[in-house]
């Protein structure tokens, strides 16, 4: 039991830094092999699979399932801070991604955006917030700040093969806010439920990416 706990702590410490380093050559290879659009899709498919494949043995199936229950811990205080942390990223995504691209969005594009957003949010929450919460509950550095920093750095990987129209720094700023904010909220509430819903709502606003990358044939 003690050896298992030691292994989990070591893995939960190393994986956040190792994953971006591993995914960088993966994305570069898939883009070279399959082209800009299909390679980008393939890179994310590998990333999502790794999130689940790494999180399940490190945190444990039963622990991860339990983390999606509400009310595992005391309500985060102050409540206004918790709600701000949860609401600001989706609101920012609506203002910067959804509204500016609404006229070029069709029902298939919207459905793909929701599907990709939900898939990405669940995969990222299970690894970046679920593993630290299960292995390092209440730990400020290893359970919150360290995975938040690595989560932000991870976004440099897809940016290295497909630049964002708004530039690199707005994306990293947004990722940093989500990493720090959702990491704090998950640690305080001891639940992934609220942060997963907020994260999925944020990512589901990516109708431009759904149109240009995931459904490249649908263009206005």
Protein backbone atom coordinates (compact mmCIF):
# COMPACT_ATOMS: atom_id res chain seq x y z
CA UNK A 1 0.00 0.00 0.00
CA UNK A 2 2.82 2.37 0.90
CA UNK A 3 4.66 1.61 -2.33
CA UNK A 4 1.49 2.25 -4.34
CA UNK A 5 1.00 5.62 -2.65
CA UNK A 6 4.61 6.57 -3.33
CA UNK A 7 4.25 5.60 -6.99
CA UNK A 8 1.05 7.65 -7.34
CA UNK A 9 2.67 10.73 -5.83
CA UNK A 10 5.73 10.42 -8.06
CA UNK A 11 3.61 9.93 -11.18
CA UNK A 12 1.29 12.80 -10.29
CA UNK A 13 4.33 15.06 -9.92
CA UNK A 14 6.13 14.05 -13.12
CA UNK A 15 3.26 13.58 -15.58
CA UNK A 16 2.16 17.25 -15.77
CA UNK A 17 5.61 18.27 -17.02
CA UNK A 18 6.21 15.14 -19.11
CA UNK A 19 2.96 15.26 -21.07
CA UNK A 20 3.65 18.52 -22.95
CA UNK A 21 7.18 17.31 -23.70
CA UNK A 22 5.81 14.05 -25.12
CA UNK A 23 2.98 15.66 -27.07
CA UNK A 24 5.17 18.19 -28.88
CA UNK A 25 6.86 15.62 -31.17
CA UNK A 26 3.54 13.78 -31.49
CA UNK A 27 1.79 16.86 -32.89
CA UNK A 28 4.68 17.66 -35.19
CA UNK A 29 4.72 14.09 -36.52
CA UNK A 30 0.95 13.86 -37.06
CA UNK A 31 0.88 17.18 -38.91
CA UNK A 32 3.75 16.08 -41.17
CA UNK A 33 2.15 12.70 -41.71
CA UNK A 34 -1.51 13.62 -42.20
CA UNK A 35 -1.47 17.33 -43.07
CA UNK A 36 -2.46 20.43 -41.16
CA UNK A 37 -6.08 19.59 -40.40
CA UNK A 38 -6.06 15.81 -40.05
CA UNK A 39 -2.75 15.93 -38.22
CA UNK A 40 -4.15 18.44 -35.73
CA UNK A 41 -7.13 16.17 -35.13
CA UNK A 42 -4.89 13.12 -34.71
CA UNK A 43 -2.68 14.96 -32.23
CA UNK A 44 -5.65 15.82 -30.06
CA UNK A 45 -6.97 12.26 -30.28
CA UNK A 46 -3.65 11.02 -28.88
CA UNK A 47 -3.71 13.73 -26.20
CA UNK A 48 -7.23 12.85 -25.04
CA UNK A 49 -6.40 9.15 -24.93
CA UNK A 50 -3.27 9.84 -22.88
CA UNK A 51 -5.19 12.02 -20.42
CA UNK A 52 -7.49 9.12 -19.59
CA UNK A 53 -4.84 6.40 -19.79
CA UNK A 54 -2.58 8.30 -17.38
CA UNK A 55 -5.26 9.55 -15.01
CA UNK A 56 -7.04 6.26 -14.39
CA UNK A 57 -4.09 4.28 -12.96
CA UNK A 58 -2.62 7.26 -11.09
CA UNK A 59 -5.76 8.46 -9.36
CA UNK A 60 -7.76 5.22 -9.43
CA UNK A 61 -11.13 4.59 -11.07
CA UNK A 62 -13.23 4.80 -7.93
CA UNK A 63 -11.57 8.00 -6.76
CA UNK A 64 -12.10 9.72 -10.10
CA UNK A 65 -15.75 8.70 -10.28
CA UNK A 66 -16.29 10.05 -6.79
CA UNK A 67 -14.76 13.39 -7.71
CA UNK A 68 -17.67 14.16 -10.06
CA UNK A 69 -20.09 14.20 -7.15
CA UNK A 70 -21.06 17.61 -5.84
CA UNK A 71 -20.52 18.53 -2.22
CA UNK A 72 -17.42 16.45 -1.52
CA UNK A 73 -15.97 19.27 0.55
CA UNK A 74 -16.96 22.52 2.18
CA UNK A 75 -18.36 25.23 -0.11
CA UNK A 76 -15.58 27.46 -1.42
CA UNK A 77 -15.52 30.85 0.24
CA UNK A 78 -16.13 33.56 -0.66
CA UNK A 79 -18.92 32.29 -2.92
CA UNK A 80 -18.62 35.31 -5.23
CA UNK A 81 -15.01 34.34 -5.97
CA UNK A 82 -15.98 30.79 -6.80
CA UNK A 83 -18.71 31.94 -9.18
CA UNK A 84 -16.36 34.44 -10.80
CA UNK A 85 -13.75 31.73 -11.37
CA UNK A 86 -16.35 29.49 -12.98
CA UNK A 87 -18.18 32.08 -15.08
CA UNK A 88 -15.40 34.33 -16.44
CA UNK A 89 -13.83 31.77 -18.86
CA UNK A 90 -17.16 30.82 -20.53
CA UNK A 91 -18.13 34.48 -20.72
CA UNK A 92 -14.79 35.33 -22.32
CA UNK A 93 -15.20 32.49 -24.83
CA UNK A 94 -18.67 33.71 -25.75
CA UNK A 95 -17.34 37.24 -26.32
CA UNK A 96 -14.19 36.33 -28.26
CA UNK A 97 -15.12 33.12 -30.10
CA UNK A 98 -18.86 32.46 -30.24
CA UNK A 99 -20.31 35.89 -30.99
CA UNK A 100 -17.71 36.97 -33.63
CA UNK A 101 -18.20 33.67 -35.51
CA UNK A 102 -21.93 33.21 -35.00
CA UNK A 103 -22.88 34.25 -38.54
CA UNK A 104 -20.64 31.58 -40.06
CA UNK A 105 -21.94 28.85 -37.78
CA UNK A 106 -24.39 26.18 -38.89
CA UNK A 107 -26.07 23.43 -36.88
CA UNK A 108 -23.45 20.78 -37.83
CA UNK A 109 -20.66 23.14 -36.82
CA UNK A 110 -22.36 23.92 -33.51
CA UNK A 111 -22.86 20.22 -32.77
CA UNK A 112 -19.23 19.43 -33.54
CA UNK A 113 -18.10 22.33 -31.35
CA UNK A 114 -20.16 20.99 -28.45
CA UNK A 115 -18.88 17.44 -28.96
CA UNK A 116 -15.24 18.48 -29.20
CA UNK A 117 -15.64 20.87 -26.28
CA UNK A 118 -17.14 18.20 -24.05
CA UNK A 119 -14.52 15.63 -25.04
CA UNK A 120 -11.63 18.00 -24.43
CA UNK A 121 -13.01 19.36 -21.16
CA UNK A 122 -13.58 15.94 -19.60
CA UNK A 123 -10.18 14.63 -20.69
CA UNK A 124 -8.38 17.69 -19.37
CA UNK A 125 -10.28 17.88 -16.10
CA UNK A 126 -9.67 14.22 -15.29
CA UNK A 127 -5.92 14.67 -15.70
CA UNK A 128 -5.09 18.27 -14.84
CA UNK A 129 -7.53 18.71 -11.93
CA UNK A 130 -8.66 15.17 -11.09
CA UNK A 131 -5.24 13.61 -10.55
CA UNK A 132 -3.89 16.44 -8.33
CA UNK A 133 -7.14 16.46 -6.36
CA UNK A 134 -7.04 12.70 -5.81
CA UNK A 135 -3.33 12.43 -4.98
CA UNK A 136 -2.54 15.81 -3.39
CA UNK A 137 -5.78 17.04 -1.77
CA UNK A 138 -5.27 20.40 -0.12
CA UNK A 139 -1.65 20.72 -1.29
CA UNK A 140 -1.09 24.23 -2.64
CA UNK A 141 1.98 23.57 -4.80
CA UNK A 142 1.67 20.00 -6.05
CA UNK A 143 -2.11 19.93 -5.97
CA UNK A 144 -2.75 23.33 -7.55
CA UNK A 145 0.10 25.60 -8.72
CA UNK A 146 2.34 23.00 -10.37
CA UNK A 147 -0.35 21.33 -12.50
CA UNK A 148 -1.74 24.78 -13.37
CA UNK A 149 1.64 25.91 -14.67
CA UNK A 150 2.08 22.73 -16.72
CA UNK A 151 -1.48 22.99 -18.04
CA UNK A 152 -0.68 26.46 -19.32
CA UNK A 153 2.57 25.25 -20.89
CA UNK A 154 0.72 22.40 -22.62
CA UNK A 155 -1.12 24.92 -24.80
CA UNK A 156 2.17 25.81 -26.47
CA UNK A 157 2.09 22.37 -28.13
CA UNK A 158 -0.95 22.84 -30.41
CA UNK A 159 0.07 26.46 -30.92
CA UNK A 160 3.40 25.26 -32.31
CA UNK A 161 1.68 23.59 -35.27
CA UNK A 162 -1.39 25.82 -35.67
CA UNK A 163 -1.09 29.47 -34.54
CA UNK A 164 -4.18 31.11 -33.06
CA UNK A 165 -5.67 34.14 -34.86
CA UNK A 166 -5.46 36.20 -31.66
CA UNK A 167 -1.83 35.29 -31.08
CA UNK A 168 -0.04 33.16 -28.53
CA UNK A 169 -0.27 35.33 -25.41
CA UNK A 170 -4.07 35.66 -25.20
CA UNK A 171 -4.34 31.87 -25.43
CA UNK A 172 -1.75 31.35 -22.71
CA UNK A 173 -3.37 33.98 -20.52
CA UNK A 174 -6.73 32.29 -20.87
CA UNK A 175 -5.23 28.87 -20.18
CA UNK A 176 -3.43 30.25 -17.14
CA UNK A 177 -6.63 31.71 -15.74
CA UNK A 178 -8.48 28.45 -16.29
CA UNK A 179 -5.67 26.39 -14.79
CA UNK A 180 -5.32 28.52 -11.68
CA UNK A 181 -9.01 29.23 -11.26
CA UNK A 182 -10.37 25.76 -11.89
CA UNK A 183 -7.54 24.18 -9.92
CA UNK A 184 -8.40 26.36 -6.94
CA UNK A 185 -12.13 25.66 -7.29
CA UNK A 186 -11.59 21.90 -7.55
CA UNK A 187 -9.34 21.85 -4.49
CA UNK A 188 -11.73 23.95 -2.41
CA UNK A 189 -14.90 22.07 -3.34
CA UNK A 190 -13.13 18.69 -3.71
CA UNK A 191 -15.21 18.08 -6.80
CA UNK A 192 -14.76 18.13 -10.57
CA UNK A 193 -18.44 18.68 -11.31
CA UNK A 194 -18.61 22.49 -11.44
CA UNK A 195 -15.24 22.97 -13.17
CA UNK A 196 -16.05 20.31 -15.77
CA UNK A 197 -19.34 22.01 -16.66
CA UNK A 198 -17.66 25.42 -16.88
CA UNK A 199 -14.76 24.05 -18.92
CA UNK A 200 -17.09 22.27 -21.35
CA UNK A 201 -19.13 25.45 -21.79
CA UNK A 202 -15.94 27.38 -22.53
CA UNK A 203 -14.61 24.90 -25.09
CA UNK A 204 -18.01 24.46 -26.74
CA UNK A 205 -17.78 28.08 -27.91
CA UNK A 206 -14.99 27.06 -30.32
CA UNK A 207 -17.17 27.17 -33.42
CA UNK A 208 -14.36 28.69 -35.50
CA UNK A 209 -12.08 25.73 -34.78
CA UNK A 210 -14.95 23.31 -35.40
CA UNK A 211 -15.54 24.92 -38.80
CA UNK A 212 -11.92 25.30 -39.90
CA UNK A 213 -10.33 22.19 -38.38
CA UNK A 214 -12.87 19.56 -37.44
CA UNK A 215 -15.27 20.18 -40.36
CA UNK A 216 -13.02 21.82 -42.97
CA UNK A 217 -15.42 21.04 -45.80
CA UNK A 218 -18.14 23.23 -44.29
CA UNK A 219 -17.26 26.76 -45.28
CA UNK A 220 -19.37 29.78 -46.07
